[in-house]
């Protein structure tokens, strides 16, 4: 159980590991889908090519879109590309690095489907059986052109009465299947060679640009995650304080109307001190969250985050963002001392 928890925490903290796991899962699902798919070629001259090519390329397109949807970095990349510049300049190199990373993972499952279909050969035979040159086979010498086209269209359907136990059908099917497998293995070899060259030749070049783009792409992803988590934390704390404020105001209203039964039995009550704004946690760890205490301030904060993100310089950001949420002086809780490090 401890090993499983450690592994889960590792995947949860590493966005790249999560994306690689999703990529592997989609590839496994692709293999399972193809192995369980029931292939039925229509064996009609006009529809063989449409069905075969559609089955060869339509599922990869769907798997590619699923890979984009499952990859959180694709949304982060588009947001980084479309966001206003504000106080932070946009680096096209980071966007290109994120785009290449997203595309590499999203293309894994479609390539697996295409390679499986080519190595199996059924889609290729169905799509191109009507396009075979009859002159390459001696069995079509005694047939008219219309009979040849009808025969070639029936090649994928080995149980059809027209081509059953026909040597010509076996020859055409074997020829197309061999051609399909040759293309599939060539494509597999090409992909392996490209991956090998990319892995082996990359250390031969300067790694500075690569490390910088990898660092800042991870930073953009983590920054957005932390902002979302901080917004959820603030929303929970803000809702808690609003509920407490509502109950406190209702208690004061009921006391003013004399609705409390024990008001006659009790002596003159001393006025209760209002709760400090810090609520349940009086520490300074959440002071920067509780400084945002109205709907207008929250809307202004979210709008500022989208339109003008802070610069990537902590020494210069304090001058730009200090007091940006309100023009009033910051509220100091009685008995506490204002800390100069609460503004972020």
C-alpha atoms as a PDB file:
ATOM      1  CA  UNK A   1       0.000   0.000   0.000  1.00  0.00           C
ATOM      2  CA  UNK A   2       2.851   2.391   0.813  1.00  0.00           C
ATOM      3  CA  UNK A   3       4.500   1.680  -2.531  1.00  0.00           C
ATOM      4  CA  UNK A   4       1.246   2.354  -4.342  1.00  0.00           C
ATOM      5  CA  UNK A   5       0.813   5.636  -2.433  1.00  0.00           C
ATOM      6  CA  UNK A   6       4.390   6.686  -3.272  1.00  0.00           C
ATOM      7  CA  UNK A   7       3.869   5.847  -6.936  1.00  0.00           C
ATOM      8  CA  UNK A   8       0.580   7.763  -7.005  1.00  0.00           C
ATOM      9  CA  UNK A   9       2.175  10.823  -5.385  1.00  0.00           C
ATOM     10  CA  UNK A  10       4.984  10.697  -7.941  1.00  0.00           C
ATOM     11  CA  UNK A  11       2.552  10.666 -10.855  1.00  0.00           C
ATOM     12  CA  UNK A  12       0.458  13.363  -9.225  1.00  0.00           C
ATOM     13  CA  UNK A  13       3.435  15.689  -8.761  1.00  0.00           C
ATOM     14  CA  UNK A  14       4.968  15.050 -12.175  1.00  0.00           C
ATOM     15  CA  UNK A  15       2.881  16.332 -15.048  1.00  0.00           C
ATOM     16  CA  UNK A  16       5.232  14.755 -17.599  1.00  0.00           C
ATOM     17  CA  UNK A  17       4.867  11.316 -16.013  1.00  0.00           C
ATOM     18  CA  UNK A  18       1.091  11.657 -16.017  1.00  0.00           C
ATOM     19  CA  UNK A  19       1.058  12.569 -19.696  1.00  0.00           C
ATOM     20  CA  UNK A  20       3.350   9.656 -20.558  1.00  0.00           C
ATOM     21  CA  UNK A  21       1.046   7.331 -18.635  1.00  0.00           C
ATOM     22  CA  UNK A  22      -2.005   8.626 -20.494  1.00  0.00           C
ATOM     23  CA  UNK A  23      -0.148   8.234 -23.792  1.00  0.00           C
ATOM     24  CA  UNK A  24       0.706   4.610 -22.959  1.00  0.00           C
ATOM     25  CA  UNK A  25      -2.885   3.955 -21.872  1.00  0.00           C
ATOM     26  CA  UNK A  26      -4.274   5.314 -25.145  1.00  0.00           C
ATOM     27  CA  UNK A  27      -1.845   3.124 -27.103  1.00  0.00           C
ATOM     28  CA  UNK A  28      -2.997   0.033 -25.184  1.00  0.00           C
ATOM     29  CA  UNK A  29      -6.635   0.963 -25.748  1.00  0.00           C
ATOM     30  CA  UNK A  30      -5.856   1.342 -29.457  1.00  0.00           C
ATOM     31  CA  UNK A  31      -4.440  -2.183 -29.663  1.00  0.00           C
ATOM     32  CA  UNK A  32      -7.459  -3.567 -27.821  1.00  0.00           C
ATOM     33  CA  UNK A  33      -9.910  -1.699 -30.052  1.00  0.00           C
ATOM     34  CA  UNK A  34      -8.264  -2.891 -33.250  1.00  0.00           C
ATOM     35  CA  UNK A  35      -8.058  -6.494 -32.100  1.00  0.00           C
ATOM     36  CA  UNK A  36     -11.750  -6.523 -31.174  1.00  0.00           C
ATOM     37  CA  UNK A  37     -12.939  -4.686 -34.300  1.00  0.00           C
ATOM     38  CA  UNK A  38     -15.007  -6.703 -36.776  1.00  0.00           C
ATOM     39  CA  UNK A  39     -13.791  -5.747 -40.258  1.00  0.00           C
ATOM     40  CA  UNK A  40     -16.392  -6.105 -43.025  1.00  0.00           C
ATOM     41  CA  UNK A  41     -15.472  -4.719 -46.412  1.00  0.00           C
ATOM     42  CA  UNK A  42     -18.560  -3.846 -48.557  1.00  0.00           C
ATOM     43  CA  UNK A  43     -16.935  -5.429 -51.661  1.00  0.00           C
ATOM     44  CA  UNK A  44     -18.482  -2.800 -53.954  1.00  0.00           C
ATOM     45  CA  UNK A  45     -16.507  -0.884 -56.537  1.00  0.00           C
ATOM     46  CA  UNK A  46     -17.581   2.565 -55.363  1.00  0.00           C
ATOM     47  CA  UNK A  47     -17.346   1.974 -51.615  1.00  0.00           C
ATOM     48  CA  UNK A  48     -14.284  -0.216 -51.087  1.00  0.00           C
ATOM     49  CA  UNK A  49     -11.807   2.652 -51.176  1.00  0.00           C
ATOM     50  CA  UNK A  50     -14.033   4.873 -49.033  1.00  0.00           C
ATOM     51  CA  UNK A  51     -14.498   2.203 -46.371  1.00  0.00           C
ATOM     52  CA  UNK A  52     -10.880   1.053 -46.323  1.00  0.00           C
ATOM     53  CA  UNK A  53      -9.307   4.521 -46.188  1.00  0.00           C
ATOM     54  CA  UNK A  54     -11.950   5.724 -43.755  1.00  0.00           C
ATOM     55  CA  UNK A  55     -11.169   2.882 -41.385  1.00  0.00           C
ATOM     56  CA  UNK A  56      -7.457   3.525 -41.832  1.00  0.00           C
ATOM     57  CA  UNK A  57      -7.525   7.262 -41.016  1.00  0.00           C
ATOM     58  CA  UNK A  58     -10.779   8.112 -39.176  1.00  0.00           C
ATOM     59  CA  UNK A  59      -9.997   6.305 -35.881  1.00  0.00           C
ATOM     60  CA  UNK A  60      -6.494   7.873 -35.752  1.00  0.00           C
ATOM     61  CA  UNK A  61      -8.058  11.325 -36.066  1.00  0.00           C
ATOM     62  CA  UNK A  62     -10.410  10.527 -33.174  1.00  0.00           C
ATOM     63  CA  UNK A  63      -7.529   9.139 -31.103  1.00  0.00           C
ATOM     64  CA  UNK A  64      -5.454  12.236 -31.893  1.00  0.00           C
ATOM     65  CA  UNK A  65      -8.231  14.511 -30.633  1.00  0.00           C
ATOM     66  CA  UNK A  66      -8.601  12.344 -27.520  1.00  0.00           C
ATOM     67  CA  UNK A  67      -4.875  12.702 -26.923  1.00  0.00           C
ATOM     68  CA  UNK A  68      -5.160  16.488 -27.162  1.00  0.00           C
ATOM     69  CA  UNK A  69      -8.140  16.537 -24.802  1.00  0.00           C
ATOM     70  CA  UNK A  70      -6.444  14.276 -22.259  1.00  0.00           C
ATOM     71  CA  UNK A  71      -3.258  16.356 -22.258  1.00  0.00           C
ATOM     72  CA  UNK A  72      -3.649  19.306 -19.897  1.00  0.00           C
ATOM     73  CA  UNK A  73      -0.625  21.008 -21.434  1.00  0.00           C
ATOM     74  CA  UNK A  74      -2.511  21.590 -24.682  1.00  0.00           C
ATOM     75  CA  UNK A  75      -4.904  23.960 -22.876  1.00  0.00           C
ATOM     76  CA  UNK A  76      -2.013  25.634 -21.055  1.00  0.00           C
ATOM     77  CA  UNK A  77      -0.203  26.090 -24.371  1.00  0.00           C
ATOM     78  CA  UNK A  78      -3.205  27.781 -26.015  1.00  0.00           C
ATOM     79  CA  UNK A  79      -3.711  30.013 -22.981  1.00  0.00           C
ATOM     80  CA  UNK A  80      -0.045  31.022 -23.022  1.00  0.00           C
ATOM     81  CA  UNK A  81      -0.236  31.720 -26.753  1.00  0.00           C
ATOM     82  CA  UNK A  82      -3.422  33.820 -26.576  1.00  0.00           C
ATOM     83  CA  UNK A  83      -2.873  35.660 -23.295  1.00  0.00           C
ATOM     84  CA  UNK A  84      -2.176  39.426 -23.309  1.00  0.00           C
ATOM     85  CA  UNK A  85       1.483  40.302 -22.848  1.00  0.00           C
ATOM     86  CA  UNK A  86       0.968  42.584 -19.836  1.00  0.00           C
ATOM     87  CA  UNK A  87       4.044  42.828 -17.626  1.00  0.00           C
ATOM     88  CA  UNK A  88       5.420  39.498 -18.877  1.00  0.00           C
ATOM     89  CA  UNK A  89       6.744  39.016 -22.380  1.00  0.00           C
ATOM     90  CA  UNK A  90       5.735  35.968 -24.378  1.00  0.00           C
ATOM     91  CA  UNK A  91       8.462  33.652 -25.643  1.00  0.00           C
ATOM     92  CA  UNK A  92       7.512  31.880 -28.911  1.00  0.00           C
ATOM     93  CA  UNK A  93      10.180  29.265 -28.206  1.00  0.00           C
ATOM     94  CA  UNK A  94       8.342  28.081 -25.083  1.00  0.00           C
ATOM     95  CA  UNK A  95       5.098  27.780 -27.048  1.00  0.00           C
ATOM     96  CA  UNK A  96       6.869  25.791 -29.781  1.00  0.00           C
ATOM     97  CA  UNK A  97       8.399  23.468 -27.187  1.00  0.00           C
ATOM     98  CA  UNK A  98       5.019  22.876 -25.540  1.00  0.00           C
ATOM     99  CA  UNK A  99       3.394  22.327 -28.949  1.00  0.00           C
ATOM    100  CA  UNK A 100       5.994  19.728 -29.950  1.00  0.00           C
ATOM    101  CA  UNK A 101       5.605  17.960 -26.599  1.00  0.00           C
ATOM    102  CA  UNK A 102       1.813  17.871 -26.927  1.00  0.00           C
ATOM    103  CA  UNK A 103       1.923  16.649 -30.532  1.00  0.00           C
ATOM    104  CA  UNK A 104       4.431  13.886 -29.767  1.00  0.00           C
ATOM    105  CA  UNK A 105       2.208  12.428 -27.085  1.00  0.00           C
ATOM    106  CA  UNK A 106      -1.022  12.915 -29.027  1.00  0.00           C
ATOM    107  CA  UNK A 107       0.384  11.174 -32.140  1.00  0.00           C
ATOM    108  CA  UNK A 108       1.387   7.984 -30.324  1.00  0.00           C
ATOM    109  CA  UNK A 109      -2.023   6.275 -30.347  1.00  0.00           C
ATOM    110  CA  UNK A 110      -2.888   7.251 -33.982  1.00  0.00           C
ATOM    111  CA  UNK A 111       0.450   5.916 -35.205  1.00  0.00           C
ATOM    112  CA  UNK A 112      -0.152   2.645 -33.353  1.00  0.00           C
ATOM    113  CA  UNK A 113      -3.519   2.264 -35.107  1.00  0.00           C
ATOM    114  CA  UNK A 114      -2.098   3.033 -38.554  1.00  0.00           C
ATOM    115  CA  UNK A 115       0.824   0.647 -38.083  1.00  0.00           C
ATOM    116  CA  UNK A 116      -1.468  -2.143 -36.869  1.00  0.00           C
ATOM    117  CA  UNK A 117      -3.804  -1.610 -39.836  1.00  0.00           C
ATOM    118  CA  UNK A 118      -0.931  -1.651 -42.340  1.00  0.00           C
ATOM    119  CA  UNK A 119       0.703  -4.728 -40.852  1.00  0.00           C
ATOM    120  CA  UNK A 120      -2.635  -6.533 -40.764  1.00  0.00           C
ATOM    121  CA  UNK A 121      -3.395  -5.550 -44.372  1.00  0.00           C
ATOM    122  CA  UNK A 122      -7.203  -5.856 -44.367  1.00  0.00           C
ATOM    123  CA  UNK A 123      -7.851  -2.117 -44.735  1.00  0.00           C
ATOM    124  CA  UNK A 124      -5.274  -1.831 -47.506  1.00  0.00           C
ATOM    125  CA  UNK A 125      -6.687  -4.789 -49.431  1.00  0.00           C
ATOM    126  CA  UNK A 126     -10.215  -3.394 -49.179  1.00  0.00           C
ATOM    127  CA  UNK A 127      -9.174   0.131 -50.171  1.00  0.00           C
ATOM    128  CA  UNK A 128      -6.984  -0.721 -53.176  1.00  0.00           C
ATOM    129  CA  UNK A 129      -8.347  -3.995 -54.510  1.00  0.00           C
ATOM    130  CA  UNK A 130     -10.156  -2.169 -57.331  1.00  0.00           C
ATOM    131  CA  UNK A 131      -7.002  -0.233 -58.244  1.00  0.00           C
ATOM    132  CA  UNK A 132      -4.803  -3.219 -59.031  1.00  0.00           C
ATOM    133  CA  UNK A 133      -3.422  -3.430 -62.562  1.00  0.00           C
ATOM    134  CA  UNK A 134      -4.985  -6.593 -64.113  1.00  0.00           C
ATOM    135  CA  UNK A 135      -2.079  -6.986 -66.504  1.00  0.00           C
ATOM    136  CA  UNK A 136       0.148  -8.119 -63.643  1.00  0.00           C
ATOM    137  CA  UNK A 137      -1.952 -11.284 -63.288  1.00  0.00           C
ATOM    138  CA  UNK A 138      -2.479 -13.853 -66.054  1.00  0.00           C
ATOM    139  CA  UNK A 139      -5.847 -15.046 -64.711  1.00  0.00           C
ATOM    140  CA  UNK A 140      -7.663 -11.947 -66.010  1.00  0.00           C
ATOM    141  CA  UNK A 141      -6.759 -12.491 -69.652  1.00  0.00           C
ATOM    142  CA  UNK A 142     -10.109 -14.091 -70.542  1.00  0.00           C
ATOM    143  CA  UNK A 143     -12.283 -11.539 -68.709  1.00  0.00           C
ATOM    144  CA  UNK A 144     -13.931  -8.393 -70.002  1.00  0.00           C
ATOM    145  CA  UNK A 145     -13.083  -5.058 -68.270  1.00  0.00           C
ATOM    146  CA  UNK A 146     -16.429  -5.001 -66.463  1.00  0.00           C
ATOM    147  CA  UNK A 147     -15.919  -8.551 -65.198  1.00  0.00           C
ATOM    148  CA  UNK A 148     -12.395  -7.654 -64.047  1.00  0.00           C
ATOM    149  CA  UNK A 149     -13.641  -4.647 -62.034  1.00  0.00           C
ATOM    150  CA  UNK A 150     -16.391  -6.736 -60.453  1.00  0.00           C
ATOM    151  CA  UNK A 151     -13.927  -9.504 -59.623  1.00  0.00           C
ATOM    152  CA  UNK A 152     -11.393  -7.098 -58.096  1.00  0.00           C
ATOM    153  CA  UNK A 153     -14.098  -5.500 -55.970  1.00  0.00           C
ATOM    154  CA  UNK A 154     -14.940  -8.958 -54.560  1.00  0.00           C
ATOM    155  CA  UNK A 155     -11.325  -9.790 -53.648  1.00  0.00           C
ATOM    156  CA  UNK A 156     -11.634  -8.791 -49.933  1.00  0.00           C
ATOM    157  CA  UNK A 157     -14.689 -11.063 -49.559  1.00  0.00           C
ATOM    158  CA  UNK A 158     -13.169 -14.525 -49.786  1.00  0.00           C
ATOM    159  CA  UNK A 159     -16.517 -16.214 -49.045  1.00  0.00           C
ATOM    160  CA  UNK A 160     -18.250 -14.653 -52.036  1.00  0.00           C
ATOM    161  CA  UNK A 161     -19.351 -17.157 -54.680  1.00  0.00           C
ATOM    162  CA  UNK A 162     -17.642 -15.233 -57.489  1.00  0.00           C
ATOM    163  CA  UNK A 163     -14.144 -15.447 -55.974  1.00  0.00           C
ATOM    164  CA  UNK A 164     -14.399 -18.476 -53.710  1.00  0.00           C
ATOM    165  CA  UNK A 165     -11.415 -20.836 -54.175  1.00  0.00           C
ATOM    166  CA  UNK A 166     -10.111 -18.622 -56.997  1.00  0.00           C
ATOM    167  CA  UNK A 167      -6.299 -18.522 -57.440  1.00  0.00           C
ATOM    168  CA  UNK A 168      -6.589 -15.021 -58.888  1.00  0.00           C
ATOM    169  CA  UNK A 169      -8.241 -13.727 -55.727  1.00  0.00           C
ATOM    170  CA  UNK A 170      -5.516 -15.242 -53.585  1.00  0.00           C
ATOM    171  CA  UNK A 171      -2.830 -13.752 -55.804  1.00  0.00           C
ATOM    172  CA  UNK A 172      -4.320 -10.233 -55.692  1.00  0.00           C
ATOM    173  CA  UNK A 173      -4.950 -10.429 -51.949  1.00  0.00           C
ATOM    174  CA  UNK A 174      -1.421 -11.693 -51.287  1.00  0.00           C
ATOM    175  CA  UNK A 175       0.057  -8.944 -53.476  1.00  0.00           C
ATOM    176  CA  UNK A 176      -1.838  -6.156 -51.690  1.00  0.00           C
ATOM    177  CA  UNK A 177      -1.164  -7.614 -48.231  1.00  0.00           C
ATOM    178  CA  UNK A 178       2.568  -7.817 -48.935  1.00  0.00           C
ATOM    179  CA  UNK A 179       2.554  -4.215 -50.176  1.00  0.00           C
ATOM    180  CA  UNK A 180       0.687  -3.080 -47.056  1.00  0.00           C
ATOM    181  CA  UNK A 181       3.094  -4.864 -44.729  1.00  0.00           C
ATOM    182  CA  UNK A 182       6.071  -3.432 -46.597  1.00  0.00           C
ATOM    183  CA  UNK A 183       4.721   0.092 -46.083  1.00  0.00           C
ATOM    184  CA  UNK A 184       3.970  -0.650 -42.422  1.00  0.00           C
ATOM    185  CA  UNK A 185       7.435  -2.009 -41.662  1.00  0.00           C
ATOM    186  CA  UNK A 186       9.078   0.841 -43.574  1.00  0.00           C
ATOM    187  CA  UNK A 187       7.121   3.377 -41.558  1.00  0.00           C
ATOM    188  CA  UNK A 188       8.022   1.565 -38.332  1.00  0.00           C
ATOM    189  CA  UNK A 189      11.703   1.560 -39.246  1.00  0.00           C
ATOM    190  CA  UNK A 190      11.552   5.246 -40.180  1.00  0.00           C
ATOM    191  CA  UNK A 191      10.007   6.193 -36.831  1.00  0.00           C
ATOM    192  CA  UNK A 192      12.562   4.138 -34.913  1.00  0.00           C
ATOM    193  CA  UNK A 193      15.446   5.728 -36.819  1.00  0.00           C
ATOM    194  CA  UNK A 194      14.091   9.227 -36.227  1.00  0.00           C
ATOM    195  CA  UNK A 195      13.643   8.541 -32.501  1.00  0.00           C
ATOM    196  CA  UNK A 196      17.147   7.063 -32.322  1.00  0.00           C
ATOM    197  CA  UNK A 197      18.703  10.073 -34.061  1.00  0.00           C
ATOM    198  CA  UNK A 198      16.789  12.532 -31.913  1.00  0.00           C
ATOM    199  CA  UNK A 199      17.902  10.736 -28.740  1.00  0.00           C
ATOM    200  CA  UNK A 200      21.538  10.267 -29.743  1.00  0.00           C
ATOM    201  CA  UNK A 201      22.230  13.541 -31.527  1.00  0.00           C
ATOM    202  CA  UNK A 202      20.587  15.890 -29.021  1.00  0.00           C
ATOM    203  CA  UNK A 203      23.491  15.738 -26.509  1.00  0.00           C
ATOM    204  CA  UNK A 204      25.870  16.757 -29.308  1.00  0.00           C
ATOM    205  CA  UNK A 205      24.367  20.263 -29.438  1.00  0.00           C
ATOM    206  CA  UNK A 206      24.137  23.070 -26.924  1.00  0.00           C
ATOM    207  CA  UNK A 207      21.548  22.204 -24.277  1.00  0.00           C
ATOM    208  CA  UNK A 208      21.068  25.720 -22.925  1.00  0.00           C
ATOM    209  CA  UNK A 209      18.045  26.630 -25.054  1.00  0.00           C
ATOM    210  CA  UNK A 210      16.465  23.227 -24.511  1.00  0.00           C
ATOM    211  CA  UNK A 211      16.857  23.408 -20.722  1.00  0.00           C
ATOM    212  CA  UNK A 212      15.486  26.952 -20.596  1.00  0.00           C
ATOM    213  CA  UNK A 213      12.404  26.107 -22.650  1.00  0.00           C
ATOM    214  CA  UNK A 214      11.784  22.931 -20.689  1.00  0.00           C
ATOM    215  CA  UNK A 215      12.078  24.814 -17.392  1.00  0.00           C
ATOM    216  CA  UNK A 216       9.725  27.628 -18.383  1.00  0.00           C
ATOM    217  CA  UNK A 217       7.171  25.287 -19.950  1.00  0.00           C
ATOM    218  CA  UNK A 218       7.052  23.384 -16.654  1.00  0.00           C
ATOM    219  CA  UNK A 219       6.850  26.701 -14.815  1.00  0.00           C
ATOM    220  CA  UNK A 220       3.827  27.857 -16.837  1.00  0.00           C
ATOM    221  CA  UNK A 221       2.024  24.578 -16.116  1.00  0.00           C
ATOM    222  CA  UNK A 222       2.844  24.607 -12.393  1.00  0.00           C
ATOM    223  CA  UNK A 223       1.988  28.291 -12.046  1.00  0.00           C
ATOM    224  CA  UNK A 224      -1.486  27.714 -13.444  1.00  0.00           C
ATOM    225  CA  UNK A 225      -1.989  24.700 -11.157  1.00  0.00           C
ATOM    226  CA  UNK A 226      -0.938  26.683  -8.084  1.00  0.00           C
ATOM    227  CA  UNK A 227      -3.172  29.590  -9.072  1.00  0.00           C
ATOM    228  CA  UNK A 228      -6.171  27.264  -9.417  1.00  0.00           C
ATOM    229  CA  UNK A 229      -5.405  25.637  -6.055  1.00  0.00           C
ATOM    230  CA  UNK A 230      -5.011  29.040  -4.390  1.00  0.00           C
ATOM    231  CA  UNK A 231      -8.311  30.211  -5.905  1.00  0.00           C
ATOM    232  CA  UNK A 232     -10.058  27.113  -4.521  1.00  0.00           C
ATOM    233  CA  UNK A 233      -8.506  27.721  -1.113  1.00  0.00           C
ATOM    234  CA  UNK A 234      -9.581  31.372  -1.152  1.00  0.00           C
ATOM    235  CA  UNK A 235     -13.111  30.466  -2.325  1.00  0.00           C
ATOM    236  CA  UNK A 236     -13.483  27.984   0.536  1.00  0.00           C
ATOM    237  CA  UNK A 237     -12.161  30.447   3.118  1.00  0.00           C
ATOM    238  CA  UNK A 238     -14.244  33.303   1.679  1.00  0.00           C
ATOM    239  CA  UNK A 239     -17.414  31.185   1.760  1.00  0.00           C
ATOM    240  CA  UNK A 240     -16.646  30.125   5.341  1.00  0.00           C
ATOM    241  CA  UNK A 241     -16.231  33.721   6.465  1.00  0.00           C
ATOM    242  CA  UNK A 242     -19.431  34.799   4.663  1.00  0.00           C
ATOM    243  CA  UNK A 243     -21.394  32.053   6.429  1.00  0.00           C
ATOM    244  CA  UNK A 244     -19.903  33.001   9.807  1.00  0.00           C
ATOM    245  CA  UNK A 245     -20.690  36.655   9.144  1.00  0.00           C
ATOM    246  CA  UNK A 246     -24.292  35.742   8.280  1.00  0.00           C
ATOM    247  CA  UNK A 247     -24.752  33.769  11.504  1.00  0.00           C
ATOM    248  CA  UNK A 248     -23.169  36.555  13.539  1.00  0.00           C
ATOM    249  CA  UNK A 249     -25.475  39.163  12.013  1.00  0.00           C
ATOM    250  CA  UNK A 250     -28.520  36.942  12.577  1.00  0.00           C
ATOM    251  CA  UNK A 251     -27.488  36.450  16.204  1.00  0.00           C
ATOM    252  CA  UNK A 252     -27.263  40.205  16.704  1.00  0.00           C
ATOM    253  CA  UNK A 253     -30.638  40.708  15.016  1.00  0.00           C
ATOM    254  CA  UNK A 254     -32.338  38.088  17.175  1.00  0.00           C
ATOM    255  CA  UNK A 255     -30.812  39.589  20.307  1.00  0.00           C
ATOM    256  CA  UNK A 256     -32.072  43.023  19.289  1.00  0.00           C
ATOM    257  CA  UNK A 257     -35.616  41.695  18.778  1.00  0.00           C
ATOM    258  CA  UNK A 258     -35.610  39.859  22.092  1.00  0.00           C
ATOM    259  CA  UNK A 259     -35.997  36.432  20.559  1.00  0.00           C
ATOM    260  CA  UNK A 260     -33.576  34.755  22.898  1.00  0.00           C
ATOM    261  CA  UNK A 261     -35.329  32.914  25.703  1.00  0.00           C
ATOM    262  CA  UNK A 262     -32.570  33.337  28.176  1.00  0.00           C
ATOM    263  CA  UNK A 263     -32.341  37.102  27.750  1.00  0.00           C
ATOM    264  CA  UNK A 264     -34.610  37.730  30.790  1.00  0.00           C
ATOM    265  CA  UNK A 265     -32.688  35.340  33.001  1.00  0.00           C
ATOM    266  CA  UNK A 266     -29.321  36.812  32.272  1.00  0.00           C
ATOM    267  CA  UNK A 267     -27.953  40.025  33.589  1.00  0.00           C
ATOM    268  CA  UNK A 268     -26.710  42.868  31.466  1.00  0.00           C
ATOM    269  CA  UNK A 269     -24.442  41.418  28.887  1.00  0.00           C
ATOM    270  CA  UNK A 270     -21.145  42.891  28.020  1.00  0.00           C
ATOM    271  CA  UNK A 271     -20.812  43.728  24.364  1.00  0.00           C
ATOM    272  CA  UNK A 272     -19.091  40.942  22.501  1.00  0.00           C
ATOM    273  CA  UNK A 273     -16.005  41.751  20.599  1.00  0.00           C
ATOM    274  CA  UNK A 274     -16.250  41.196  16.875  1.00  0.00           C
ATOM    275  CA  UNK A 275     -14.181  38.381  15.567  1.00  0.00           C
ATOM    276  CA  UNK A 276     -10.976  39.435  13.915  1.00  0.00           C
ATOM    277  CA  UNK A 277     -10.850  39.217  10.157  1.00  0.00           C
ATOM    278  CA  UNK A 278      -8.439  36.350  10.420  1.00  0.00           C
ATOM    279  CA  UNK A 279     -11.362  34.054  11.333  1.00  0.00           C
ATOM    280  CA  UNK A 280     -10.348  30.591  12.375  1.00  0.00           C
ATOM    281  CA  UNK A 281      -6.693  30.844  11.565  1.00  0.00           C
ATOM    282  CA  UNK A 282      -5.017  33.914  12.934  1.00  0.00           C
ATOM    283  CA  UNK A 283      -1.672  33.172  11.392  1.00  0.00           C
ATOM    284  CA  UNK A 284      -0.125  35.281   8.703  1.00  0.00           C
ATOM    285  CA  UNK A 285       0.024  32.396   6.214  1.00  0.00           C
ATOM    286  CA  UNK A 286      -3.404  33.274   4.805  1.00  0.00           C
ATOM    287  CA  UNK A 287      -3.202  37.033   5.217  1.00  0.00           C
ATOM    288  CA  UNK A 288      -2.685  37.537   1.492  1.00  0.00           C
ATOM    289  CA  UNK A 289      -5.848  35.508   0.816  1.00  0.00           C
ATOM    290  CA  UNK A 290      -8.037  37.242   3.387  1.00  0.00           C
ATOM    291  CA  UNK A 291      -6.992  40.679   2.148  1.00  0.00           C
ATOM    292  CA  UNK A 292      -9.307  39.968  -0.811  1.00  0.00           C
ATOM    293  CA  UNK A 293     -12.628  40.215   0.987  1.00  0.00           C
ATOM    294  CA  UNK A 294     -15.256  41.419  -1.518  1.00  0.00           C
ATOM    295  CA  UNK A 295     -16.701  40.376  -4.850  1.00  0.00           C
ATOM    296  CA  UNK A 296     -15.275  43.447  -6.594  1.00  0.00           C
ATOM    297  CA  UNK A 297     -11.781  42.659  -5.334  1.00  0.00           C
ATOM    298  CA  UNK A 298     -12.045  39.022  -6.444  1.00  0.00           C
ATOM    299  CA  UNK A 299     -13.238  40.050  -9.916  1.00  0.00           C
ATOM    300  CA  UNK A 300     -10.434  42.587 -10.166  1.00  0.00           C
ATOM    301  CA  UNK A 301      -7.864  39.997  -9.077  1.00  0.00           C
ATOM    302  CA  UNK A 302      -9.014  37.435 -11.662  1.00  0.00           C
ATOM    303  CA  UNK A 303      -9.169  40.054 -14.412  1.00  0.00           C
ATOM    304  CA  UNK A 304      -5.676  41.285 -13.550  1.00  0.00           C
ATOM    305  CA  UNK A 305      -4.303  37.734 -13.543  1.00  0.00           C
ATOM    306  CA  UNK A 306      -5.655  37.130 -17.043  1.00  0.00           C
ATOM    307  CA  UNK A 307      -4.867  40.503 -18.631  1.00  0.00           C
ATOM    308  CA  UNK A 308      -1.561  41.334 -16.949  1.00  0.00           C
ATOM    309  CA  UNK A 309       0.334  38.516 -15.294  1.00  0.00           C
ATOM    310  CA  UNK A 310       3.114  39.610 -12.924  1.00  0.00           C
ATOM    311  CA  UNK A 311       6.673  39.819 -14.228  1.00  0.00           C
ATOM    312  CA  UNK A 312       9.033  36.944 -13.545  1.00  0.00           C
ATOM    313  CA  UNK A 313      11.083  39.078 -11.174  1.00  0.00           C
ATOM    314  CA  UNK A 314      10.199  38.899  -7.477  1.00  0.00           C
ATOM    315  CA  UNK A 315      12.334  41.926  -6.638  1.00  0.00           C
ATOM    316  CA  UNK A 316      10.402  44.135  -9.078  1.00  0.00           C
ATOM    317  CA  UNK A 317       6.916  42.675  -8.611  1.00  0.00           C
ATOM    318  CA  UNK A 318       6.337  44.236  -5.180  1.00  0.00           C
ATOM    319  CA  UNK A 319       6.372  47.720  -6.611  1.00  0.00           C
ATOM    320  CA  UNK A 320       3.981  46.830  -9.399  1.00  0.00           C
ATOM    321  CA  UNK A 321       1.435  44.838  -7.404  1.00  0.00           C
ATOM    322  CA  UNK A 322       1.546  46.292  -3.916  1.00  0.00           C
ATOM    323  CA  UNK A 323      -1.892  47.667  -3.068  1.00  0.00           C
ATOM    324  CA  UNK A 324      -3.239  46.843  -6.508  1.00  0.00           C
ATOM    325  CA  UNK A 325      -6.492  45.386  -5.200  1.00  0.00           C
ATOM    326  CA  UNK A 326      -7.654  48.345  -3.165  1.00  0.00           C
ATOM    327  CA  UNK A 327      -6.768  52.008  -2.847  1.00  0.00           C
ATOM    328  CA  UNK A 328      -7.375  51.942   0.884  1.00  0.00           C
ATOM    329  CA  UNK A 329      -4.723  51.295   3.498  1.00  0.00           C
ATOM    330  CA  UNK A 330      -4.409  47.651   4.474  1.00  0.00           C
ATOM    331  CA  UNK A 331      -6.471  46.553   7.438  1.00  0.00           C
ATOM    332  CA  UNK A 332      -4.380  45.635  10.478  1.00  0.00           C
ATOM    333  CA  UNK A 333      -5.883  43.332  13.086  1.00  0.00           C
ATOM    334  CA  UNK A 334      -5.678  44.768  16.623  1.00  0.00           C
ATOM    335  CA  UNK A 335      -2.900  43.192  18.590  1.00  0.00           C
ATOM    336  CA  UNK A 336      -0.967  42.138  15.513  1.00  0.00           C
ATOM    337  CA  UNK A 337       1.798  43.759  13.568  1.00  0.00           C
ATOM    338  CA  UNK A 338       1.645  44.297   9.846  1.00  0.00           C
ATOM    339  CA  UNK A 339       4.166  42.185   7.998  1.00  0.00           C
ATOM    340  CA  UNK A 340       5.965  43.653   4.980  1.00  0.00           C
ATOM    341  CA  UNK A 341       5.977  40.249   3.282  1.00  0.00           C
ATOM    342  CA  UNK A 342       2.228  39.606   3.010  1.00  0.00           C
ATOM    343  CA  UNK A 343       1.801  41.145  -0.433  1.00  0.00           C
ATOM    344  CA  UNK A 344       2.484  38.710  -3.253  1.00  0.00           C
END
